[in-house]
């Protein structure tokens, strides 16, 4: 097994992190879409509330 210095591993990990693409952007879009669906459902369904006065 080859010994790799810690500094080389950190540089490799840092360069790999920059090449991961749009993962964070897709997570943000997914969270915003889910929150939008929840708010839309709440807005639409609140009109079906019965007021039995």
C-alpha atoms as a PDB file:
ATOM      1  CA  UNK A   1       0.000   0.000   0.000  1.00  0.00           C
ATOM      2  CA  UNK A   2       1.319   3.396  -0.946  1.00  0.00           C
ATOM      3  CA  UNK A   3       1.650   6.134   1.669  1.00  0.00           C
ATOM      4  CA  UNK A   4       0.032   9.429   0.637  1.00  0.00           C
ATOM      5  CA  UNK A   5       0.848  12.521   2.723  1.00  0.00           C
ATOM      6  CA  UNK A   6      -2.036  14.269   4.463  1.00  0.00           C
ATOM      7  CA  UNK A   7      -1.470  17.495   2.534  1.00  0.00           C
ATOM      8  CA  UNK A   8      -1.814  15.658  -0.776  1.00  0.00           C
ATOM      9  CA  UNK A   9      -5.050  14.045   0.384  1.00  0.00           C
ATOM     10  CA  UNK A  10      -6.469  17.423   1.422  1.00  0.00           C
ATOM     11  CA  UNK A  11      -5.577  19.013  -1.907  1.00  0.00           C
ATOM     12  CA  UNK A  12      -7.118  16.109  -3.768  1.00  0.00           C
ATOM     13  CA  UNK A  13     -10.294  16.302  -1.671  1.00  0.00           C
ATOM     14  CA  UNK A  14     -10.534  20.070  -2.188  1.00  0.00           C
ATOM     15  CA  UNK A  15     -10.164  19.753  -5.952  1.00  0.00           C
ATOM     16  CA  UNK A  16     -12.733  16.938  -6.052  1.00  0.00           C
ATOM     17  CA  UNK A  17     -15.207  19.054  -4.046  1.00  0.00           C
ATOM     18  CA  UNK A  18     -15.011  21.790  -6.654  1.00  0.00           C
ATOM     19  CA  UNK A  19     -15.808  19.335  -9.432  1.00  0.00           C
ATOM     20  CA  UNK A  20     -18.998  17.932  -7.918  1.00  0.00           C
ATOM     21  CA  UNK A  21     -21.259  20.104 -10.012  1.00  0.00           C
ATOM     22  CA  UNK A  22     -24.707  21.394  -9.166  1.00  0.00           C
ATOM     23  CA  UNK A  23     -25.460  19.277  -6.100  1.00  0.00           C
ATOM     24  CA  UNK A  24     -26.079  22.191  -3.740  1.00  0.00           C
ATOM     25  CA  UNK A  25     -28.128  24.046  -6.337  1.00  0.00           C
ATOM     26  CA  UNK A  26     -30.334  21.014  -6.910  1.00  0.00           C
ATOM     27  CA  UNK A  27     -30.851  20.593  -3.159  1.00  0.00           C
ATOM     28  CA  UNK A  28     -31.937  24.230  -2.855  1.00  0.00           C
ATOM     29  CA  UNK A  29     -34.302  23.888  -5.815  1.00  0.00           C
ATOM     30  CA  UNK A  30     -35.802  20.729  -4.327  1.00  0.00           C
ATOM     31  CA  UNK A  31     -36.399  22.358  -0.931  1.00  0.00           C
ATOM     32  CA  UNK A  32     -37.965  25.439  -2.551  1.00  0.00           C
ATOM     33  CA  UNK A  33     -40.230  23.247  -4.690  1.00  0.00           C
ATOM     34  CA  UNK A  34     -41.397  21.232  -1.678  1.00  0.00           C
ATOM     35  CA  UNK A  35     -42.068  24.390   0.348  1.00  0.00           C
ATOM     36  CA  UNK A  36     -43.922  25.879  -2.610  1.00  0.00           C
ATOM     37  CA  UNK A  37     -46.114  22.787  -2.915  1.00  0.00           C
ATOM     38  CA  UNK A  38     -46.895  22.863   0.811  1.00  0.00           C
ATOM     39  CA  UNK A  39     -47.785  26.558   0.739  1.00  0.00           C
ATOM     40  CA  UNK A  40     -49.887  26.124  -2.403  1.00  0.00           C
ATOM     41  CA  UNK A  41     -51.762  23.194  -0.858  1.00  0.00           C
ATOM     42  CA  UNK A  42     -52.360  25.195   2.325  1.00  0.00           C
ATOM     43  CA  UNK A  43     -53.620  28.196   0.332  1.00  0.00           C
ATOM     44  CA  UNK A  44     -55.975  26.086  -1.787  1.00  0.00           C
ATOM     45  CA  UNK A  45     -57.259  23.867   1.011  1.00  0.00           C
ATOM     46  CA  UNK A  46     -57.930  26.667   3.475  1.00  0.00           C
ATOM     47  CA  UNK A  47     -60.892  27.697   1.328  1.00  0.00           C
ATOM     48  CA  UNK A  48     -62.569  24.363   2.089  1.00  0.00           C
ATOM     49  CA  UNK A  49     -62.728  25.075   5.815  1.00  0.00           C
ATOM     50  CA  UNK A  50     -66.307  24.879   7.072  1.00  0.00           C
ATOM     51  CA  UNK A  51     -67.740  27.614   9.235  1.00  0.00           C
ATOM     52  CA  UNK A  52     -70.696  25.977  10.968  1.00  0.00           C
ATOM     53  CA  UNK A  53     -71.974  29.034  12.795  1.00  0.00           C
END
